[in-house]
């Protein structure tokens, strides 16, 4: 078990700043590639919807029978 005193306030600040920087970079990257995603992955949302509905129906039918 990890002793709570080993992870100090500085570690939590570093983790928070690192996570915030990563999220900012992630959002920036996706905004930059937005037009490419719309062109390259056209129709993928419909495929994902069918996939989710299929898994849901499989789950329901498996529970019923």
N, C-alpha and C. Protein backbone atom coordinates (compact mmCIF):
# COMPACT_ATOMS: atom_id res chain seq x y z
N UNK A 1 0.85 -1.18 0.00
CA UNK A 1 0.00 0.00 0.00
C UNK A 1 0.89 1.24 0.00
N UNK A 2 0.50 2.24 -0.73
CA UNK A 2 1.29 3.47 -0.84
C UNK A 2 0.97 4.39 0.33
N UNK A 3 2.02 4.89 0.93
CA UNK A 3 1.85 5.83 2.03
C UNK A 3 1.39 7.18 1.47
N UNK A 4 0.37 7.76 2.07
CA UNK A 4 -0.20 9.02 1.56
C UNK A 4 0.78 10.18 1.68
N UNK A 5 1.73 10.09 2.59
CA UNK A 5 2.68 11.17 2.78
C UNK A 5 3.71 11.26 1.65
N UNK A 6 3.87 10.20 0.88
CA UNK A 6 4.84 10.20 -0.22
C UNK A 6 4.36 11.13 -1.33
N UNK A 7 3.06 11.13 -1.60
CA UNK A 7 2.49 11.97 -2.65
C UNK A 7 2.08 13.30 -2.02
N UNK A 8 2.89 14.31 -2.26
CA UNK A 8 2.64 15.60 -1.64
C UNK A 8 1.83 16.53 -2.52
N UNK A 9 1.68 17.74 -2.03
CA UNK A 9 0.90 18.75 -2.74
C UNK A 9 1.52 19.09 -4.09
N UNK A 10 2.82 19.13 -4.15
CA UNK A 10 3.51 19.42 -5.41
C UNK A 10 3.22 18.41 -6.49
N UNK A 11 3.12 17.15 -6.09
CA UNK A 11 2.79 16.10 -7.05
C UNK A 11 1.39 16.31 -7.63
N UNK A 12 0.43 16.67 -6.78
CA UNK A 12 -0.93 16.89 -7.25
C UNK A 12 -1.03 18.12 -8.15
N UNK A 13 -0.27 19.16 -7.82
CA UNK A 13 -0.25 20.35 -8.68
C UNK A 13 0.34 20.00 -10.04
N UNK A 14 1.45 19.26 -10.04
CA UNK A 14 2.07 18.84 -11.30
C UNK A 14 1.12 17.98 -12.12
N UNK A 15 0.42 17.05 -11.47
CA UNK A 15 -0.53 16.19 -12.19
C UNK A 15 -1.67 17.02 -12.78
N UNK A 16 -2.18 17.99 -12.02
CA UNK A 16 -3.26 18.83 -12.52
C UNK A 16 -2.84 19.69 -13.69
N UNK A 17 -1.66 20.29 -13.60
CA UNK A 17 -1.17 21.14 -14.70
C UNK A 17 -0.89 20.30 -15.93
N UNK A 18 -0.33 19.10 -15.75
CA UNK A 18 -0.05 18.22 -16.88
C UNK A 18 -1.35 17.79 -17.56
N UNK A 19 -2.35 17.44 -16.76
CA UNK A 19 -3.63 17.03 -17.32
C UNK A 19 -4.29 18.18 -18.08
N UNK A 20 -4.24 19.38 -17.52
CA UNK A 20 -4.82 20.54 -18.18
C UNK A 20 -4.11 20.84 -19.50
N UNK A 21 -2.78 20.76 -19.50
CA UNK A 21 -2.02 21.00 -20.73
C UNK A 21 -2.36 19.95 -21.79
N UNK A 22 -2.49 18.70 -21.38
CA UNK A 22 -2.84 17.63 -22.32
C UNK A 22 -4.22 17.86 -22.90
N UNK A 23 -5.18 18.24 -22.08
CA UNK A 23 -6.54 18.47 -22.58
C UNK A 23 -6.60 19.66 -23.53
N UNK A 24 -5.86 20.70 -23.23
CA UNK A 24 -5.81 21.86 -24.13
C UNK A 24 -5.22 21.47 -25.47
N UNK A 25 -4.14 20.69 -25.45
CA UNK A 25 -3.51 20.23 -26.68
C UNK A 25 -4.46 19.32 -27.46
N UNK A 26 -5.20 18.47 -26.76
CA UNK A 26 -6.13 17.55 -27.40
C UNK A 26 -7.25 18.32 -28.11
N UNK A 27 -7.83 19.31 -27.44
CA UNK A 27 -8.90 20.11 -28.03
C UNK A 27 -8.37 20.89 -29.23
N UNK A 28 -7.19 21.47 -29.10
CA UNK A 28 -6.58 22.23 -30.18
C UNK A 28 -6.34 21.33 -31.41
N UNK A 29 -5.84 20.13 -31.17
CA UNK A 29 -5.57 19.21 -32.28
C UNK A 29 -6.85 18.81 -33.00
N UNK A 30 -7.91 18.50 -32.24
CA UNK A 30 -9.15 18.10 -32.87
C UNK A 30 -9.80 19.25 -33.63
N UNK A 31 -9.70 20.47 -33.12
CA UNK A 31 -10.24 21.62 -33.85
C UNK A 31 -9.47 21.85 -35.14
N UNK A 32 -8.16 21.64 -35.08
CA UNK A 32 -7.32 21.84 -36.26
C UNK A 32 -7.64 20.80 -37.34
N UNK A 33 -7.93 19.57 -36.94
CA UNK A 33 -8.19 18.48 -37.88
C UNK A 33 -9.67 18.31 -38.19
N UNK A 34 -10.52 19.20 -37.73
CA UNK A 34 -11.96 19.07 -37.92
C UNK A 34 -12.39 18.89 -39.36
N UNK A 35 -11.94 19.75 -40.27
CA UNK A 35 -12.36 19.58 -41.67
C UNK A 35 -11.91 18.24 -42.27
N UNK A 36 -10.76 17.78 -41.89
CA UNK A 36 -10.27 16.48 -42.38
C UNK A 36 -11.14 15.35 -41.87
N UNK A 37 -11.54 15.42 -40.60
CA UNK A 37 -12.38 14.38 -40.03
C UNK A 37 -13.74 14.32 -40.72
N UNK A 38 -14.30 15.48 -41.04
CA UNK A 38 -15.60 15.51 -41.70
C UNK A 38 -15.53 14.88 -43.09
N UNK A 39 -14.40 15.04 -43.74
CA UNK A 39 -14.24 14.51 -45.09
C UNK A 39 -13.87 13.03 -45.06
N UNK A 40 -12.96 12.63 -44.19
CA UNK A 40 -12.46 11.27 -44.19
C UNK A 40 -13.41 10.28 -43.52
N UNK A 41 -14.13 10.72 -42.50
CA UNK A 41 -14.99 9.82 -41.74
C UNK A 41 -16.47 10.09 -41.98
N UNK A 42 -16.82 10.43 -43.19
CA UNK A 42 -18.21 10.71 -43.54
C UNK A 42 -19.03 9.42 -43.40
N UNK A 43 -20.12 9.48 -42.65
CA UNK A 43 -20.98 8.32 -42.46
C UNK A 43 -20.59 7.43 -41.30
N UNK A 44 -19.52 7.74 -40.61
CA UNK A 44 -19.08 6.88 -39.51
C UNK A 44 -20.01 7.00 -38.30
N UNK A 45 -20.66 8.14 -38.12
CA UNK A 45 -21.58 8.28 -36.99
C UNK A 45 -22.80 7.37 -37.16
N UNK A 46 -23.26 7.19 -38.39
CA UNK A 46 -24.37 6.27 -38.65
C UNK A 46 -23.95 4.83 -38.36
N UNK A 47 -22.75 4.47 -38.74
CA UNK A 47 -22.23 3.13 -38.46
C UNK A 47 -22.12 2.91 -36.95
N UNK A 48 -21.64 3.90 -36.23
CA UNK A 48 -21.53 3.79 -34.78
C UNK A 48 -22.91 3.65 -34.14
N UNK A 49 -23.89 4.38 -34.64
CA UNK A 49 -25.25 4.27 -34.13
C UNK A 49 -25.79 2.85 -34.33
N UNK A 50 -25.63 2.29 -35.52
CA UNK A 50 -26.08 0.92 -35.78
C UNK A 50 -25.34 -0.09 -34.90
N UNK A 51 -24.08 0.13 -34.68
CA UNK A 51 -23.29 -0.75 -33.83
C UNK A 51 -23.80 -0.72 -32.39
N UNK A 52 -24.06 0.47 -31.88
CA UNK A 52 -24.56 0.59 -30.51
C UNK A 52 -25.96 -0.01 -30.37
N UNK A 53 -26.81 0.22 -31.33
CA UNK A 53 -28.15 -0.37 -31.29
C UNK A 53 -28.05 -1.89 -31.37
N UNK A 54 -27.17 -2.40 -32.19
CA UNK A 54 -26.97 -3.85 -32.29
C UNK A 54 -26.51 -4.46 -30.98
N UNK A 55 -25.54 -3.82 -30.33
CA UNK A 55 -25.07 -4.32 -29.04
C UNK A 55 -26.16 -4.24 -27.98
N UNK A 56 -26.94 -3.18 -28.03
CA UNK A 56 -28.04 -3.03 -27.08
C UNK A 56 -29.08 -4.13 -27.27
N UNK A 57 -29.45 -4.39 -28.52
CA UNK A 57 -30.41 -5.46 -28.79
C UNK A 57 -29.86 -6.82 -28.39
N UNK A 58 -28.60 -7.05 -28.66
CA UNK A 58 -27.96 -8.30 -28.24
C UNK A 58 -28.02 -8.46 -26.73
N UNK A 59 -27.74 -7.40 -26.02
CA UNK A 59 -27.79 -7.42 -24.56
C UNK A 59 -29.21 -7.71 -24.06
N UNK A 60 -30.20 -7.06 -24.67
CA UNK A 60 -31.60 -7.25 -24.26
C UNK A 60 -32.05 -8.69 -24.55
N UNK A 61 -31.79 -9.18 -25.75
CA UNK A 61 -32.22 -10.54 -26.09
C UNK A 61 -31.50 -11.59 -25.28
N UNK A 62 -30.27 -11.34 -24.94
CA UNK A 62 -29.53 -12.30 -24.13
C UNK A 62 -30.12 -12.35 -22.71
N UNK A 63 -30.56 -11.23 -22.20
CA UNK A 63 -31.19 -11.18 -20.87
C UNK A 63 -32.56 -11.85 -20.86
N UNK A 64 -33.30 -11.73 -21.98
CA UNK A 64 -34.65 -12.28 -22.02
C UNK A 64 -34.66 -13.80 -22.18
N UNK A 65 -33.72 -14.34 -22.91
CA UNK A 65 -33.75 -15.78 -23.21
C UNK A 65 -32.65 -16.49 -22.50
